[in-house]
């Protein structure tokens, strides 16, 4: 019987760094689940002390942009500005559609995880970014969850959807849960779960890179704190 991967299945603690590293191969997922690529790009630096750890899935943004342009063109065709004067309301409507589309693209394309100085910033809800102190982030591992079929669809029987889990230390009670957009993921009981359909492809290599970068960021933070302590 299939069960969801647990931290023990997907990572082990490195005695030198204290971070988790994945050790088990991925279990095969049912038809319709998202399969990640094994080629994982390195984290993208976006400024002093900032780097992207987990990118968003860019395809929803492309769909939103295409729909916005199509709606604006349809409005333009219905108004027929080449044959008669068009009122201000029509132009404002078209501009509003394009602005809304641009806003949707920005929200869906914003990275899901960004390291900024000594905190990990989580974006799992539109217009909301939740920072977690680096010291409270324990490790990353792969998981999965069951996605039931749409109402009335009895042909597929649902599917397993791959997820990425960021584990937060039990002592960080103030960071144990946050509201999220369910499509993007969930945050409860100290586990931040990212839905694989709304972020970059998930893979073992990605988890290894995340745990490696987490360990490196913690070492750098400790070194900075020790340097500040010696300076005082």
C-alpha atoms as a PDB file:
ATOM      1  CA  UNK A   1       0.000   0.000   0.000  1.00  0.00           C
ATOM      2  CA  UNK A   2       1.345   3.390  -1.009  1.00  0.00           C
ATOM      3  CA  UNK A   3       2.086   5.901   1.712  1.00  0.00           C
ATOM      4  CA  UNK A   4       3.308   9.462   1.658  1.00  0.00           C
ATOM      5  CA  UNK A   5       7.043   9.953   2.114  1.00  0.00           C
ATOM      6  CA  UNK A   6       8.051  11.125   5.582  1.00  0.00           C
ATOM      7  CA  UNK A   7      11.156  13.081   6.664  1.00  0.00           C
ATOM      8  CA  UNK A   8      12.769   9.790   7.605  1.00  0.00           C
ATOM      9  CA  UNK A   9      12.128   8.431   4.124  1.00  0.00           C
ATOM     10  CA  UNK A  10      13.371  11.448   2.220  1.00  0.00           C
ATOM     11  CA  UNK A  11      16.243  12.907   4.221  1.00  0.00           C
ATOM     12  CA  UNK A  12      18.894  12.087   6.748  1.00  0.00           C
ATOM     13  CA  UNK A  13      20.721  14.441   9.094  1.00  0.00           C
ATOM     14  CA  UNK A  14      24.266  15.377   8.176  1.00  0.00           C
ATOM     15  CA  UNK A  15      26.352  15.236  11.328  1.00  0.00           C
ATOM     16  CA  UNK A  16      28.639  17.997  10.065  1.00  0.00           C
ATOM     17  CA  UNK A  17      26.042  20.524   9.002  1.00  0.00           C
ATOM     18  CA  UNK A  18      22.864  19.541  10.812  1.00  0.00           C
ATOM     19  CA  UNK A  19      20.873  19.760   7.568  1.00  0.00           C
ATOM     20  CA  UNK A  20      18.818  17.030   5.963  1.00  0.00           C
ATOM     21  CA  UNK A  21      19.764  15.371   2.689  1.00  0.00           C
ATOM     22  CA  UNK A  22      17.436  13.149   0.636  1.00  0.00           C
ATOM     23  CA  UNK A  23      18.462   9.516   0.482  1.00  0.00           C
ATOM     24  CA  UNK A  24      15.481   7.608  -0.912  1.00  0.00           C
ATOM     25  CA  UNK A  25      14.457   7.492  -4.579  1.00  0.00           C
ATOM     26  CA  UNK A  26      11.102   8.944  -5.504  1.00  0.00           C
ATOM     27  CA  UNK A  27       8.141   6.610  -5.500  1.00  0.00           C
ATOM     28  CA  UNK A  28       6.274   6.382  -8.812  1.00  0.00           C
ATOM     29  CA  UNK A  29       3.227   8.626  -8.936  1.00  0.00           C
ATOM     30  CA  UNK A  30      -0.150   7.867 -10.445  1.00  0.00           C
ATOM     31  CA  UNK A  31      -1.207   9.079 -13.864  1.00  0.00           C
ATOM     32  CA  UNK A  32      -1.776  12.831 -13.909  1.00  0.00           C
ATOM     33  CA  UNK A  33       0.705  13.673 -11.176  1.00  0.00           C
ATOM     34  CA  UNK A  34       3.466  16.194 -11.728  1.00  0.00           C
ATOM     35  CA  UNK A  35       6.882  14.719 -12.445  1.00  0.00           C
ATOM     36  CA  UNK A  36       9.907  16.926 -11.769  1.00  0.00           C
ATOM     37  CA  UNK A  37      12.982  17.219 -13.904  1.00  0.00           C
ATOM     38  CA  UNK A  38      16.302  15.987 -12.569  1.00  0.00           C
ATOM     39  CA  UNK A  39      18.073  19.058 -13.946  1.00  0.00           C
ATOM     40  CA  UNK A  40      17.956  21.665 -11.180  1.00  0.00           C
ATOM     41  CA  UNK A  41      19.191  25.211 -11.847  1.00  0.00           C
ATOM     42  CA  UNK A  42      21.285  26.858  -9.141  1.00  0.00           C
ATOM     43  CA  UNK A  43      19.680  29.468  -6.870  1.00  0.00           C
ATOM     44  CA  UNK A  44      19.389  32.838  -8.587  1.00  0.00           C
ATOM     45  CA  UNK A  45      20.915  35.800  -6.727  1.00  0.00           C
ATOM     46  CA  UNK A  46      18.549  38.790  -6.753  1.00  0.00           C
ATOM     47  CA  UNK A  47      20.488  41.318  -4.711  1.00  0.00           C
ATOM     48  CA  UNK A  48      22.824  41.675  -1.769  1.00  0.00           C
ATOM     49  CA  UNK A  49      22.025  38.914   0.727  1.00  0.00           C
ATOM     50  CA  UNK A  50      19.073  37.593  -1.337  1.00  0.00           C
ATOM     51  CA  UNK A  51      18.664  34.531  -3.526  1.00  0.00           C
ATOM     52  CA  UNK A  52      15.755  32.571  -4.965  1.00  0.00           C
ATOM     53  CA  UNK A  53      15.503  29.079  -3.494  1.00  0.00           C
ATOM     54  CA  UNK A  54      12.249  27.931  -5.128  1.00  0.00           C
ATOM     55  CA  UNK A  55      10.829  29.469  -8.284  1.00  0.00           C
ATOM     56  CA  UNK A  56       7.176  29.619  -9.254  1.00  0.00           C
ATOM     57  CA  UNK A  57       5.667  27.739 -12.175  1.00  0.00           C
ATOM     58  CA  UNK A  58       5.658  30.250 -15.031  1.00  0.00           C
ATOM     59  CA  UNK A  59       2.912  28.554 -17.068  1.00  0.00           C
ATOM     60  CA  UNK A  60      -0.084  29.970 -15.114  1.00  0.00           C
ATOM     61  CA  UNK A  61       1.315  33.462 -15.692  1.00  0.00           C
ATOM     62  CA  UNK A  62       1.478  32.812 -19.433  1.00  0.00           C
ATOM     63  CA  UNK A  63      -2.146  31.640 -19.398  1.00  0.00           C
ATOM     64  CA  UNK A  64      -3.283  34.709 -17.446  1.00  0.00           C
ATOM     65  CA  UNK A  65      -1.403  37.058 -19.778  1.00  0.00           C
ATOM     66  CA  UNK A  66      -2.883  35.343 -22.844  1.00  0.00           C
ATOM     67  CA  UNK A  67      -6.421  35.596 -21.465  1.00  0.00           C
ATOM     68  CA  UNK A  68      -5.961  39.282 -20.605  1.00  0.00           C
ATOM     69  CA  UNK A  69      -4.712  40.099 -24.097  1.00  0.00           C
ATOM     70  CA  UNK A  70      -7.529  38.073 -25.681  1.00  0.00           C
ATOM     71  CA  UNK A  71     -10.163  39.860 -23.577  1.00  0.00           C
ATOM     72  CA  UNK A  72      -8.692  43.270 -24.409  1.00  0.00           C
ATOM     73  CA  UNK A  73      -8.660  42.443 -28.135  1.00  0.00           C
ATOM     74  CA  UNK A  74     -12.239  41.159 -27.958  1.00  0.00           C
ATOM     75  CA  UNK A  75     -13.332  44.384 -26.282  1.00  0.00           C
ATOM     76  CA  UNK A  76     -11.509  46.372 -28.947  1.00  0.00           C
ATOM     77  CA  UNK A  77     -13.177  44.418 -31.750  1.00  0.00           C
ATOM     78  CA  UNK A  78     -16.617  44.874 -30.220  1.00  0.00           C
ATOM     79  CA  UNK A  79     -16.062  48.620 -29.840  1.00  0.00           C
ATOM     80  CA  UNK A  80     -14.795  48.994 -33.458  1.00  0.00           C
ATOM     81  CA  UNK A  81     -12.806  52.205 -32.840  1.00  0.00           C
ATOM     82  CA  UNK A  82     -11.793  52.356 -36.532  1.00  0.00           C
ATOM     83  CA  UNK A  83     -15.390  52.966 -37.623  1.00  0.00           C
ATOM     84  CA  UNK A  84     -16.812  55.136 -34.827  1.00  0.00           C
ATOM     85  CA  UNK A  85     -15.697  57.136 -31.779  1.00  0.00           C
ATOM     86  CA  UNK A  86     -15.204  55.065 -28.657  1.00  0.00           C
ATOM     87  CA  UNK A  87     -16.118  56.309 -25.204  1.00  0.00           C
ATOM     88  CA  UNK A  88     -13.767  56.635 -22.263  1.00  0.00           C
ATOM     89  CA  UNK A  89     -15.438  53.712 -20.491  1.00  0.00           C
ATOM     90  CA  UNK A  90     -14.392  51.300 -23.236  1.00  0.00           C
ATOM     91  CA  UNK A  91     -10.769  52.423 -23.141  1.00  0.00           C
ATOM     92  CA  UNK A  92     -10.739  52.251 -19.349  1.00  0.00           C
ATOM     93  CA  UNK A  93     -12.222  48.760 -19.498  1.00  0.00           C
ATOM     94  CA  UNK A  94      -9.539  47.551 -21.861  1.00  0.00           C
ATOM     95  CA  UNK A  95      -6.808  49.126 -19.772  1.00  0.00           C
ATOM     96  CA  UNK A  96      -8.293  47.585 -16.635  1.00  0.00           C
ATOM     97  CA  UNK A  97      -8.224  44.120 -18.178  1.00  0.00           C
ATOM     98  CA  UNK A  98      -4.557  44.513 -19.129  1.00  0.00           C
ATOM     99  CA  UNK A  99      -3.619  45.860 -15.700  1.00  0.00           C
ATOM    100  CA  UNK A 100      -5.445  42.990 -13.983  1.00  0.00           C
ATOM    101  CA  UNK A 101      -3.639  40.519 -16.228  1.00  0.00           C
ATOM    102  CA  UNK A 102      -0.277  42.082 -15.426  1.00  0.00           C
ATOM    103  CA  UNK A 103      -1.076  41.893 -11.714  1.00  0.00           C
ATOM    104  CA  UNK A 104      -2.002  38.228 -12.040  1.00  0.00           C
ATOM    105  CA  UNK A 105       1.240  37.478 -13.832  1.00  0.00           C
ATOM    106  CA  UNK A 106       3.258  39.215 -11.117  1.00  0.00           C
ATOM    107  CA  UNK A 107       1.500  37.316  -8.326  1.00  0.00           C
ATOM    108  CA  UNK A 108       1.786  33.888  -9.924  1.00  0.00           C
ATOM    109  CA  UNK A 109       5.400  34.354 -11.045  1.00  0.00           C
ATOM    110  CA  UNK A 110       6.750  35.574  -7.688  1.00  0.00           C
ATOM    111  CA  UNK A 111       9.237  33.032  -6.227  1.00  0.00           C
ATOM    112  CA  UNK A 112       7.841  30.658  -3.609  1.00  0.00           C
ATOM    113  CA  UNK A 113      10.979  30.740  -1.441  1.00  0.00           C
ATOM    114  CA  UNK A 114      13.579  33.477  -1.139  1.00  0.00           C
ATOM    115  CA  UNK A 115      16.511  33.661   1.250  1.00  0.00           C
ATOM    116  CA  UNK A 116      16.936  37.232   2.482  1.00  0.00           C
ATOM    117  CA  UNK A 117      19.738  37.841   4.975  1.00  0.00           C
ATOM    118  CA  UNK A 118      18.902  35.522   7.891  1.00  0.00           C
ATOM    119  CA  UNK A 119      15.291  34.672   7.061  1.00  0.00           C
ATOM    120  CA  UNK A 120      13.485  32.482   4.545  1.00  0.00           C
ATOM    121  CA  UNK A 121      10.575  34.333   2.944  1.00  0.00           C
ATOM    122  CA  UNK A 122       7.619  32.126   1.996  1.00  0.00           C
ATOM    123  CA  UNK A 123       5.069  33.152  -0.643  1.00  0.00           C
ATOM    124  CA  UNK A 124       2.050  30.851  -0.477  1.00  0.00           C
ATOM    125  CA  UNK A 125      -0.776  33.387  -0.719  1.00  0.00           C
ATOM    126  CA  UNK A 126      -1.391  36.342  -3.069  1.00  0.00           C
ATOM    127  CA  UNK A 127      -0.186  39.595  -1.546  1.00  0.00           C
ATOM    128  CA  UNK A 128       1.331  37.830   1.469  1.00  0.00           C
ATOM    129  CA  UNK A 129       4.965  36.977   2.265  1.00  0.00           C
ATOM    130  CA  UNK A 130       5.831  35.290   5.571  1.00  0.00           C
ATOM    131  CA  UNK A 131       9.449  35.372   6.805  1.00  0.00           C
ATOM    132  CA  UNK A 132      10.797  32.480   8.864  1.00  0.00           C
ATOM    133  CA  UNK A 133      14.087  32.966  10.754  1.00  0.00           C
ATOM    134  CA  UNK A 134      16.783  30.824   9.207  1.00  0.00           C
ATOM    135  CA  UNK A 135      17.586  29.158  12.534  1.00  0.00           C
ATOM    136  CA  UNK A 136      14.075  27.645  12.683  1.00  0.00           C
ATOM    137  CA  UNK A 137      14.225  25.961   9.246  1.00  0.00           C
ATOM    138  CA  UNK A 138      15.315  22.352   9.778  1.00  0.00           C
ATOM    139  CA  UNK A 139      15.277  20.692   6.354  1.00  0.00           C
ATOM    140  CA  UNK A 140      13.462  20.080   3.068  1.00  0.00           C
ATOM    141  CA  UNK A 141      12.079  16.795   1.763  1.00  0.00           C
ATOM    142  CA  UNK A 142       9.789  15.501  -0.957  1.00  0.00           C
ATOM    143  CA  UNK A 143       6.260  14.288  -0.293  1.00  0.00           C
ATOM    144  CA  UNK A 144       2.988  13.726  -2.084  1.00  0.00           C
ATOM    145  CA  UNK A 145      -0.720  14.081  -1.498  1.00  0.00           C
ATOM    146  CA  UNK A 146      -3.831  12.594  -3.040  1.00  0.00           C
ATOM    147  CA  UNK A 147      -5.753  14.849  -5.428  1.00  0.00           C
ATOM    148  CA  UNK A 148      -9.361  13.628  -5.785  1.00  0.00           C
ATOM    149  CA  UNK A 149     -10.923  13.654  -9.254  1.00  0.00           C
ATOM    150  CA  UNK A 150     -13.248  16.492 -10.277  1.00  0.00           C
ATOM    151  CA  UNK A 151     -16.907  16.031  -9.325  1.00  0.00           C
ATOM    152  CA  UNK A 152     -18.594  13.618 -11.725  1.00  0.00           C
ATOM    153  CA  UNK A 153     -15.298  12.257 -13.112  1.00  0.00           C
ATOM    154  CA  UNK A 154     -15.095   8.557 -12.283  1.00  0.00           C
ATOM    155  CA  UNK A 155     -12.577   7.645 -14.988  1.00  0.00           C
ATOM    156  CA  UNK A 156      -9.305   8.722 -13.358  1.00  0.00           C
ATOM    157  CA  UNK A 157      -9.795   7.927  -9.675  1.00  0.00           C
ATOM    158  CA  UNK A 158      -7.643  10.880  -8.660  1.00  0.00           C
ATOM    159  CA  UNK A 159      -3.857  11.207  -8.701  1.00  0.00           C
ATOM    160  CA  UNK A 160      -0.847  11.686  -6.476  1.00  0.00           C
ATOM    161  CA  UNK A 161       0.569  15.205  -6.599  1.00  0.00           C
ATOM    162  CA  UNK A 162       4.204  15.727  -5.722  1.00  0.00           C
ATOM    163  CA  UNK A 163       4.955  18.249  -2.977  1.00  0.00           C
ATOM    164  CA  UNK A 164       7.946  19.893  -1.328  1.00  0.00           C
ATOM    165  CA  UNK A 165       7.902  20.175   2.466  1.00  0.00           C
ATOM    166  CA  UNK A 166       9.892  22.665   4.510  1.00  0.00           C
ATOM    167  CA  UNK A 167      10.110  21.550   8.130  1.00  0.00           C
ATOM    168  CA  UNK A 168      10.126  24.189  10.887  1.00  0.00           C
ATOM    169  CA  UNK A 169      11.518  23.504  14.377  1.00  0.00           C
ATOM    170  CA  UNK A 170       8.949  22.607  17.049  1.00  0.00           C
ATOM    171  CA  UNK A 171      10.231  25.387  19.305  1.00  0.00           C
ATOM    172  CA  UNK A 172       9.169  27.994  16.709  1.00  0.00           C
ATOM    173  CA  UNK A 173       5.535  27.939  17.855  1.00  0.00           C
ATOM    174  CA  UNK A 174       4.867  31.377  16.345  1.00  0.00           C
ATOM    175  CA  UNK A 175       5.721  30.001  12.896  1.00  0.00           C
ATOM    176  CA  UNK A 176       3.857  26.682  13.103  1.00  0.00           C
ATOM    177  CA  UNK A 177       0.937  27.759  10.878  1.00  0.00           C
ATOM    178  CA  UNK A 178      -0.041  30.488   8.432  1.00  0.00           C
ATOM    179  CA  UNK A 179      -2.978  31.070   6.041  1.00  0.00           C
ATOM    180  CA  UNK A 180      -2.251  30.051   2.451  1.00  0.00           C
ATOM    181  CA  UNK A 181      -3.924  29.766  -0.921  1.00  0.00           C
ATOM    182  CA  UNK A 182      -4.818  26.025  -0.958  1.00  0.00           C
ATOM    183  CA  UNK A 183      -3.938  25.752  -4.660  1.00  0.00           C
ATOM    184  CA  UNK A 184      -0.366  26.787  -3.904  1.00  0.00           C
ATOM    185  CA  UNK A 185       0.174  24.783  -0.721  1.00  0.00           C
ATOM    186  CA  UNK A 186      -0.467  24.509   2.998  1.00  0.00           C
ATOM    187  CA  UNK A 187       1.183  25.587   6.244  1.00  0.00           C
ATOM    188  CA  UNK A 188       0.273  23.831   9.464  1.00  0.00           C
ATOM    189  CA  UNK A 189       1.846  21.990  12.407  1.00  0.00           C
ATOM    190  CA  UNK A 190       5.304  23.251  11.533  1.00  0.00           C
ATOM    191  CA  UNK A 191       5.261  21.951   7.949  1.00  0.00           C
ATOM    192  CA  UNK A 192       5.179  24.254   4.926  1.00  0.00           C
ATOM    193  CA  UNK A 193       3.967  22.260   1.912  1.00  0.00           C
ATOM    194  CA  UNK A 194       4.434  23.536  -1.650  1.00  0.00           C
ATOM    195  CA  UNK A 195       2.191  22.059  -4.364  1.00  0.00           C
ATOM    196  CA  UNK A 196       4.418  20.825  -7.190  1.00  0.00           C
ATOM    197  CA  UNK A 197       2.025  22.108  -9.858  1.00  0.00           C
ATOM    198  CA  UNK A 198       2.540  25.743  -8.809  1.00  0.00           C
ATOM    199  CA  UNK A 199       6.317  25.857  -8.429  1.00  0.00           C
ATOM    200  CA  UNK A 200       9.328  24.816 -10.477  1.00  0.00           C
ATOM    201  CA  UNK A 201       9.657  21.059 -11.188  1.00  0.00           C
ATOM    202  CA  UNK A 202      10.397  19.080  -8.030  1.00  0.00           C
ATOM    203  CA  UNK A 203      13.174  16.510  -7.966  1.00  0.00           C
ATOM    204  CA  UNK A 204      15.689  14.837  -5.684  1.00  0.00           C
ATOM    205  CA  UNK A 205      18.398  17.153  -7.043  1.00  0.00           C
ATOM    206  CA  UNK A 206      16.323  20.181  -6.096  1.00  0.00           C
ATOM    207  CA  UNK A 207      15.916  18.929  -2.512  1.00  0.00           C
ATOM    208  CA  UNK A 208      19.636  18.226  -2.259  1.00  0.00           C
ATOM    209  CA  UNK A 209      20.405  21.721  -3.471  1.00  0.00           C
ATOM    210  CA  UNK A 210      17.951  23.271  -0.988  1.00  0.00           C
ATOM    211  CA  UNK A 211      19.403  21.356   1.963  1.00  0.00           C
ATOM    212  CA  UNK A 212      22.930  22.180   0.839  1.00  0.00           C
ATOM    213  CA  UNK A 213      22.105  25.891   0.540  1.00  0.00           C
ATOM    214  CA  UNK A 214      20.316  25.802   3.897  1.00  0.00           C
ATOM    215  CA  UNK A 215      23.388  24.356   5.595  1.00  0.00           C
ATOM    216  CA  UNK A 216      25.646  26.919   3.887  1.00  0.00           C
ATOM    217  CA  UNK A 217      23.358  29.812   4.873  1.00  0.00           C
ATOM    218  CA  UNK A 218      23.327  28.653   8.501  1.00  0.00           C
ATOM    219  CA  UNK A 219      27.121  28.402   8.553  1.00  0.00           C
ATOM    220  CA  UNK A 220      27.405  31.919   7.142  1.00  0.00           C
ATOM    221  CA  UNK A 221      24.908  33.239   9.707  1.00  0.00           C
ATOM    222  CA  UNK A 222      26.842  31.626  12.563  1.00  0.00           C
ATOM    223  CA  UNK A 223      30.094  33.088  11.265  1.00  0.00           C
ATOM    224  CA  UNK A 224      28.562  36.576  11.076  1.00  0.00           C
ATOM    225  CA  UNK A 225      27.150  36.284  14.591  1.00  0.00           C
ATOM    226  CA  UNK A 226      30.514  35.111  15.944  1.00  0.00           C
ATOM    227  CA  UNK A 227      32.276  37.989  14.178  1.00  0.00           C
ATOM    228  CA  UNK A 228      29.826  40.486  15.668  1.00  0.00           C
ATOM    229  CA  UNK A 229      30.331  38.948  19.117  1.00  0.00           C
ATOM    230  CA  UNK A 230      34.108  39.247  18.857  1.00  0.00           C
ATOM    231  CA  UNK A 231      33.805  42.838  17.661  1.00  0.00           C
ATOM    232  CA  UNK A 232      31.813  43.793  20.755  1.00  0.00           C
END
